[in-house]
Amino acid sequence: AANPSFIEDGADATLFSATSISTVEAGQNISQLQLTVSNVADGADEILVIDGANVALTNGNSGSTTNSFAYSVSLAGSTATVTISKTDSAANYQALLDAIAYSNSSDEPTTAARTVTITSIQDSGGTANGGQDTTTLAVASTVSVTAVNDAPTLAATAANPSFIEDGAAATLFSATSISTVEAGQSIEQITLTVTNVA
């Protein structure tokens, strides 16, 4: 487990490395694995990058990745369960797990640590004659999440007015919209320039 840090607007945080998977018996493949993610609170902004696909941790989300691994997401409270399915080699599943990463595109990510846990893996051998095809796991990687302040935004329509000597003041802008991006903040300063002052 990498136990990485994720900083708002930063790079994806890779979760695992040096993954080793075995079906035990020769000639079998892996058919499914499951992961959980704790403290999910930012809706579709929270994702796991799985085999090239940005998988939003929202209830009912499903689809397939670049290499046709199927995924589905269920959300119970603040815990997301991600199921990844495809009958493929242990080596390909190892590569998939070593590349899985956490990301969050929110401008105000909640900062509770996310624990991503590999909870089970299933092979293609079946359960005939008392066999076991699924192993319960608890391989966890904890992601620390750090929020950073975003620059404020401003949009306005320029009036481009005319001023006539001894006339009324010329209003310069209209429909001005300003945002601090993050809630609970205020604007402290604004700067303007004026050309050809003589």
C-alpha atoms as a PDB file:
ATOM      1  CA  ALA A   1       0.000   0.000   0.000  1.00  0.00           C
ATOM      2  CA  ALA A   2       1.395   3.386  -1.007  1.00  0.00           C
ATOM      3  CA  ASN A   3      -0.593   5.463   1.553  1.00  0.00           C
ATOM      4  CA  PRO A   4      -0.215   8.495  -0.733  1.00  0.00           C
ATOM      5  CA  SER A   5      -1.154  12.146  -0.419  1.00  0.00           C
ATOM      6  CA  PHE A   6      -3.563  13.899  -2.788  1.00  0.00           C
ATOM      7  CA  ILE A   7      -3.391  17.693  -3.054  1.00  0.00           C
ATOM      8  CA  GLU A   8      -6.264  19.605  -4.661  1.00  0.00           C
ATOM      9  CA  ASP A   9      -5.584  20.255  -8.369  1.00  0.00           C
ATOM     10  CA  GLY A  10      -2.544  17.967  -8.127  1.00  0.00           C
ATOM     11  CA  ALA A  11      -1.574  14.669  -9.709  1.00  0.00           C
ATOM     12  CA  ASP A  12      -3.539  11.461  -9.211  1.00  0.00           C
ATOM     13  CA  ALA A  13      -2.437   9.502  -6.138  1.00  0.00           C
ATOM     14  CA  THR A  14      -1.308   5.942  -6.974  1.00  0.00           C
ATOM     15  CA  LEU A  15      -2.598   3.531  -4.333  1.00  0.00           C
ATOM     16  CA  PHE A  16      -0.681   0.252  -4.585  1.00  0.00           C
ATOM     17  CA  SER A  17       2.612  -1.116  -5.827  1.00  0.00           C
ATOM     18  CA  ALA A  18       4.381  -4.471  -6.154  1.00  0.00           C
ATOM     19  CA  THR A  19       1.023  -6.269  -6.267  1.00  0.00           C
ATOM     20  CA  SER A  20       1.300 -10.074  -6.380  1.00  0.00           C
ATOM     21  CA  ILE A  21      -1.681 -12.226  -7.396  1.00  0.00           C
ATOM     22  CA  SER A  22      -1.833 -15.999  -7.791  1.00  0.00           C
ATOM     23  CA  THR A  23      -4.673 -18.345  -8.739  1.00  0.00           C
ATOM     24  CA  VAL A  24      -2.674 -21.137  -6.979  1.00  0.00           C
ATOM     25  CA  GLU A  25      -3.706 -23.706  -9.606  1.00  0.00           C
ATOM     26  CA  ALA A  26      -2.166 -23.438 -13.059  1.00  0.00           C
ATOM     27  CA  GLY A  27      -4.357 -22.635 -16.048  1.00  0.00           C
ATOM     28  CA  GLN A  28      -6.792 -20.417 -14.170  1.00  0.00           C
ATOM     29  CA  ASN A  29      -7.471 -16.698 -14.446  1.00  0.00           C
ATOM     30  CA  ILE A  30      -8.780 -13.971 -12.180  1.00  0.00           C
ATOM     31  CA  SER A  31     -12.432 -13.106 -12.807  1.00  0.00           C
ATOM     32  CA  GLN A  32     -13.265 -10.381 -10.299  1.00  0.00           C
ATOM     33  CA  LEU A  33     -11.949  -8.140  -7.553  1.00  0.00           C
ATOM     34  CA  GLN A  34     -13.594  -5.690  -5.183  1.00  0.00           C
ATOM     35  CA  LEU A  35     -12.402  -2.538  -3.463  1.00  0.00           C
ATOM     36  CA  THR A  36     -13.994  -0.161  -0.998  1.00  0.00           C
ATOM     37  CA  VAL A  37     -13.343   3.557  -0.548  1.00  0.00           C
ATOM     38  CA  SER A  38     -14.192   5.232   2.768  1.00  0.00           C
ATOM     39  CA  ASN A  39     -15.271   8.840   3.479  1.00  0.00           C
ATOM     40  CA  VAL A  40     -16.626   9.483  -0.011  1.00  0.00           C
ATOM     41  CA  ALA A  41     -18.381  12.852   0.197  1.00  0.00           C
ATOM     42  CA  ASP A  42     -17.719  14.871  -2.970  1.00  0.00           C
ATOM     43  CA  GLY A  43     -20.060  13.197  -5.456  1.00  0.00           C
ATOM     44  CA  ALA A  44     -18.898  12.715  -9.025  1.00  0.00           C
ATOM     45  CA  ASP A  45     -15.750  14.753  -8.311  1.00  0.00           C
ATOM     46  CA  GLU A  46     -14.254  11.744  -6.495  1.00  0.00           C
ATOM     47  CA  ILE A  47     -12.848   9.134  -8.822  1.00  0.00           C
ATOM     48  CA  LEU A  48     -10.651   6.093  -9.048  1.00  0.00           C
ATOM     49  CA  VAL A  49      -8.541   5.930 -12.166  1.00  0.00           C
ATOM     50  CA  ILE A  50      -8.868   2.293 -13.254  1.00  0.00           C
ATOM     51  CA  ASP A  51      -7.122   1.042 -16.384  1.00  0.00           C
ATOM     52  CA  GLY A  52      -7.363   4.450 -18.038  1.00  0.00           C
ATOM     53  CA  ALA A  53     -10.979   5.120 -17.039  1.00  0.00           C
ATOM     54  CA  ASN A  54     -12.047   7.841 -14.617  1.00  0.00           C
ATOM     55  CA  VAL A  55     -14.561   5.977 -12.467  1.00  0.00           C
ATOM     56  CA  ALA A  56     -16.772   8.356 -10.474  1.00  0.00           C
ATOM     57  CA  LEU A  57     -17.577   7.022  -7.014  1.00  0.00           C
ATOM     58  CA  THR A  58     -21.328   7.543  -7.385  1.00  0.00           C
ATOM     59  CA  ASN A  59     -24.044   5.002  -6.695  1.00  0.00           C
ATOM     60  CA  GLY A  60     -24.991   2.972  -9.760  1.00  0.00           C
ATOM     61  CA  ASN A  61     -22.091   4.104 -11.920  1.00  0.00           C
ATOM     62  CA  SER A  62     -20.931   1.381 -14.307  1.00  0.00           C
ATOM     63  CA  GLY A  63     -19.012   0.962 -17.524  1.00  0.00           C
ATOM     64  CA  SER A  64     -15.830  -0.510 -18.942  1.00  0.00           C
ATOM     65  CA  THR A  65     -12.182   0.498 -19.009  1.00  0.00           C
ATOM     66  CA  THR A  66      -9.660   0.828 -21.819  1.00  0.00           C
ATOM     67  CA  ASN A  67      -8.919  -2.911 -21.774  1.00  0.00           C
ATOM     68  CA  SER A  68     -12.557  -3.973 -21.308  1.00  0.00           C
ATOM     69  CA  PHE A  69     -12.567  -4.518 -17.554  1.00  0.00           C
ATOM     70  CA  ALA A  70     -16.173  -3.991 -16.443  1.00  0.00           C
ATOM     71  CA  TYR A  71     -16.742  -1.893 -13.331  1.00  0.00           C
ATOM     72  CA  SER A  72     -19.702  -1.051 -11.144  1.00  0.00           C
ATOM     73  CA  VAL A  73     -20.015   1.226  -8.118  1.00  0.00           C
ATOM     74  CA  SER A  74     -22.393   1.059  -5.175  1.00  0.00           C
ATOM     75  CA  LEU A  75     -22.505   3.644  -2.418  1.00  0.00           C
ATOM     76  CA  ALA A  76     -23.746   2.961   1.122  1.00  0.00           C
ATOM     77  CA  GLY A  77     -23.445   5.995   3.354  1.00  0.00           C
ATOM     78  CA  SER A  78     -19.951   7.326   2.716  1.00  0.00           C
ATOM     79  CA  THR A  79     -18.439   3.993   1.619  1.00  0.00           C
ATOM     80  CA  ALA A  80     -18.164   3.150  -2.073  1.00  0.00           C
ATOM     81  CA  THR A  81     -17.761  -0.448  -3.220  1.00  0.00           C
ATOM     82  CA  VAL A  82     -16.144  -0.885  -6.633  1.00  0.00           C
ATOM     83  CA  THR A  83     -16.435  -4.239  -8.407  1.00  0.00           C
ATOM     84  CA  ILE A  84     -14.086  -4.941 -11.321  1.00  0.00           C
ATOM     85  CA  SER A  85     -14.870  -7.944 -13.522  1.00  0.00           C
ATOM     86  CA  LYS A  86     -13.148  -9.644 -16.431  1.00  0.00           C
ATOM     87  CA  THR A  87     -11.675 -13.096 -16.852  1.00  0.00           C
ATOM     88  CA  ASP A  88      -8.028 -12.255 -17.383  1.00  0.00           C
ATOM     89  CA  SER A  89      -4.564 -13.253 -16.265  1.00  0.00           C
ATOM     90  CA  ALA A  90      -3.219 -12.627 -12.787  1.00  0.00           C
ATOM     91  CA  ALA A  91      -0.459 -10.562 -14.389  1.00  0.00           C
ATOM     92  CA  ASN A  92      -2.962  -8.218 -16.020  1.00  0.00           C
ATOM     93  CA  TYR A  93      -4.854  -7.784 -12.757  1.00  0.00           C
ATOM     94  CA  GLN A  94      -1.550  -7.052 -11.009  1.00  0.00           C
ATOM     95  CA  ALA A  95      -0.817  -4.339 -13.569  1.00  0.00           C
ATOM     96  CA  LEU A  96      -4.316  -2.920 -13.123  1.00  0.00           C
ATOM     97  CA  LEU A  97      -3.968  -2.706  -9.343  1.00  0.00           C
ATOM     98  CA  ASP A  98      -0.499  -1.181  -9.497  1.00  0.00           C
ATOM     99  CA  ALA A  99      -1.905   1.624 -11.670  1.00  0.00           C
ATOM    100  CA  ILE A 100      -5.119   2.378  -9.747  1.00  0.00           C
ATOM    101  CA  ALA A 101      -5.118   5.962  -8.463  1.00  0.00           C
ATOM    102  CA  TYR A 102      -7.356   8.314  -6.476  1.00  0.00           C
ATOM    103  CA  SER A 103      -8.307  11.756  -7.743  1.00  0.00           C
ATOM    104  CA  ASN A 104     -10.720  14.518  -6.764  1.00  0.00           C
ATOM    105  CA  SER A 105     -11.687  17.392  -9.063  1.00  0.00           C
ATOM    106  CA  SER A 106     -13.653  19.373  -6.461  1.00  0.00           C
ATOM    107  CA  ASP A 107     -12.627  22.981  -5.773  1.00  0.00           C
ATOM    108  CA  GLU A 108     -13.520  22.267  -2.139  1.00  0.00           C
ATOM    109  CA  PRO A 109     -12.569  18.627  -1.465  1.00  0.00           C
ATOM    110  CA  THR A 110     -13.452  17.321   1.958  1.00  0.00           C
ATOM    111  CA  THR A 111     -10.210  16.529   3.732  1.00  0.00           C
ATOM    112  CA  ALA A 112     -11.061  13.341   5.611  1.00  0.00           C
ATOM    113  CA  ALA A 113      -8.603  10.591   4.680  1.00  0.00           C
ATOM    114  CA  ARG A 114      -9.909   8.071   2.150  1.00  0.00           C
ATOM    115  CA  THR A 115      -9.014   4.449   2.830  1.00  0.00           C
ATOM    116  CA  VAL A 116      -9.048   2.306  -0.298  1.00  0.00           C
ATOM    117  CA  THR A 117      -9.185  -1.389   0.595  1.00  0.00           C
ATOM    118  CA  ILE A 118      -8.898  -4.427  -1.662  1.00  0.00           C
ATOM    119  CA  THR A 119     -11.575  -6.605  -0.062  1.00  0.00           C
ATOM    120  CA  SER A 120     -11.833  -9.706  -2.249  1.00  0.00           C
ATOM    121  CA  ILE A 121     -10.513 -11.445  -5.332  1.00  0.00           C
ATOM    122  CA  GLN A 122     -12.072 -14.299  -7.294  1.00  0.00           C
ATOM    123  CA  ASP A 123     -10.542 -16.759  -9.753  1.00  0.00           C
ATOM    124  CA  SER A 124     -12.085 -18.800 -12.560  1.00  0.00           C
ATOM    125  CA  GLY A 125     -11.694 -22.201 -10.888  1.00  0.00           C
ATOM    126  CA  GLY A 126     -15.212 -22.424  -9.472  1.00  0.00           C
ATOM    127  CA  THR A 127     -16.420 -24.164  -6.312  1.00  0.00           C
ATOM    128  CA  ALA A 128     -17.064 -27.738  -7.496  1.00  0.00           C
ATOM    129  CA  ASN A 129     -16.168 -30.518  -5.062  1.00  0.00           C
ATOM    130  CA  GLY A 130     -15.838 -28.061  -2.209  1.00  0.00           C
ATOM    131  CA  GLY A 131     -13.399 -25.779  -3.989  1.00  0.00           C
ATOM    132  CA  GLN A 132     -12.936 -22.142  -3.122  1.00  0.00           C
ATOM    133  CA  ASP A 133     -12.680 -19.449  -5.763  1.00  0.00           C
ATOM    134  CA  THR A 134     -12.787 -16.284  -3.616  1.00  0.00           C
ATOM    135  CA  THR A 135     -10.371 -14.880  -1.052  1.00  0.00           C
ATOM    136  CA  THR A 136     -11.394 -12.183   1.419  1.00  0.00           C
ATOM    137  CA  LEU A 137      -8.716  -9.520   1.790  1.00  0.00           C
ATOM    138  CA  ALA A 138      -8.020  -6.341   3.738  1.00  0.00           C
ATOM    139  CA  VAL A 139      -5.181  -4.675   1.823  1.00  0.00           C
ATOM    140  CA  ALA A 140      -5.620  -0.966   2.575  1.00  0.00           C
ATOM    141  CA  SER A 141      -4.049   2.223   1.243  1.00  0.00           C
ATOM    142  CA  THR A 142      -4.937   5.466   3.035  1.00  0.00           C
ATOM    143  CA  VAL A 143      -5.006   8.691   1.011  1.00  0.00           C
ATOM    144  CA  SER A 144      -4.518  11.966   2.860  1.00  0.00           C
ATOM    145  CA  VAL A 145      -6.441  14.755   1.106  1.00  0.00           C
ATOM    146  CA  THR A 146      -5.280  18.384   1.238  1.00  0.00           C
ATOM    147  CA  ALA A 147      -7.428  21.295   0.057  1.00  0.00           C
ATOM    148  CA  VAL A 148      -5.805  24.472  -1.293  1.00  0.00           C
ATOM    149  CA  ASN A 149      -7.207  27.940  -1.840  1.00  0.00           C
ATOM    150  CA  ASP A 150      -8.288  28.700  -5.413  1.00  0.00           C
ATOM    151  CA  ALA A 151      -7.873  32.136  -6.933  1.00  0.00           C
ATOM    152  CA  PRO A 152     -11.085  34.158  -7.108  1.00  0.00           C
ATOM    153  CA  THR A 153     -12.865  34.648 -10.423  1.00  0.00           C
ATOM    154  CA  LEU A 154     -14.340  37.802 -11.967  1.00  0.00           C
ATOM    155  CA  ALA A 155     -16.385  38.333 -15.103  1.00  0.00           C
ATOM    156  CA  ALA A 156     -17.832  41.647 -16.298  1.00  0.00           C
ATOM    157  CA  THR A 157     -19.223  43.266 -19.416  1.00  0.00           C
ATOM    158  CA  ALA A 158     -17.269  46.318 -20.541  1.00  0.00           C
ATOM    159  CA  ALA A 159     -19.561  49.279 -21.262  1.00  0.00           C
ATOM    160  CA  ASN A 160     -16.999  51.188 -23.369  1.00  0.00           C
ATOM    161  CA  PRO A 161     -18.856  54.433 -22.617  1.00  0.00           C
ATOM    162  CA  SER A 162     -18.395  58.004 -23.781  1.00  0.00           C
ATOM    163  CA  PHE A 163     -17.652  60.865 -21.395  1.00  0.00           C
ATOM    164  CA  ILE A 164     -18.548  64.410 -22.335  1.00  0.00           C
ATOM    165  CA  GLU A 165     -16.936  67.303 -20.537  1.00  0.00           C
ATOM    166  CA  ASP A 166     -19.154  68.580 -17.723  1.00  0.00           C
ATOM    167  CA  GLY A 167     -21.442  65.614 -18.309  1.00  0.00           C
ATOM    168  CA  ALA A 168     -22.477  62.677 -16.134  1.00  0.00           C
ATOM    169  CA  ALA A 169     -19.981  60.121 -14.884  1.00  0.00           C
ATOM    170  CA  ALA A 170     -19.443  57.272 -17.366  1.00  0.00           C
ATOM    171  CA  THR A 171     -20.245  53.835 -15.978  1.00  0.00           C
ATOM    172  CA  LEU A 172     -17.537  51.406 -17.034  1.00  0.00           C
ATOM    173  CA  PHE A 173     -18.803  47.878 -16.357  1.00  0.00           C
ATOM    174  CA  SER A 174     -22.048  45.936 -15.965  1.00  0.00           C
ATOM    175  CA  ALA A 175     -23.203  42.416 -15.095  1.00  0.00           C
ATOM    176  CA  THR A 176     -20.165  41.933 -12.886  1.00  0.00           C
ATOM    177  CA  SER A 177     -19.865  38.472 -11.315  1.00  0.00           C
ATOM    178  CA  ILE A 178     -17.264  37.675  -8.647  1.00  0.00           C
ATOM    179  CA  SER A 179     -16.674  34.371  -6.865  1.00  0.00           C
ATOM    180  CA  THR A 180     -14.246  33.324  -4.140  1.00  0.00           C
ATOM    181  CA  VAL A 181     -14.727  29.728  -5.408  1.00  0.00           C
ATOM    182  CA  GLU A 182     -14.615  28.314  -1.869  1.00  0.00           C
ATOM    183  CA  ALA A 183     -17.561  29.005   0.430  1.00  0.00           C
ATOM    184  CA  GLY A 184     -17.148  31.239   3.477  1.00  0.00           C
ATOM    185  CA  GLN A 185     -14.479  33.505   1.991  1.00  0.00           C
ATOM    186  CA  SER A 186     -14.552  37.226   1.173  1.00  0.00           C
ATOM    187  CA  ILE A 187     -12.873  39.456  -1.381  1.00  0.00           C
ATOM    188  CA  GLU A 188     -10.139  41.603   0.168  1.00  0.00           C
ATOM    189  CA  GLN A 189      -8.818  43.679  -2.720  1.00  0.00           C
ATOM    190  CA  ILE A 190      -9.335  44.602  -6.347  1.00  0.00           C
ATOM    191  CA  THR A 191      -6.865  46.423  -8.606  1.00  0.00           C
ATOM    192  CA  LEU A 192      -7.619  48.470 -11.729  1.00  0.00           C
ATOM    193  CA  THR A 193      -5.431  50.380 -14.185  1.00  0.00           C
ATOM    194  CA  VAL A 194      -6.293  53.530 -16.169  1.00  0.00           C
ATOM    195  CA  THR A 195      -4.310  54.496 -19.259  1.00  0.00           C
ATOM    196  CA  ASN A 196      -3.506  57.911 -20.713  1.00  0.00           C
ATOM    197  CA  VAL A 197      -3.910  59.757 -17.444  1.00  0.00           C
ATOM    198  CA  ALA A 198      -2.641  63.288 -18.147  1.00  0.00           C
END
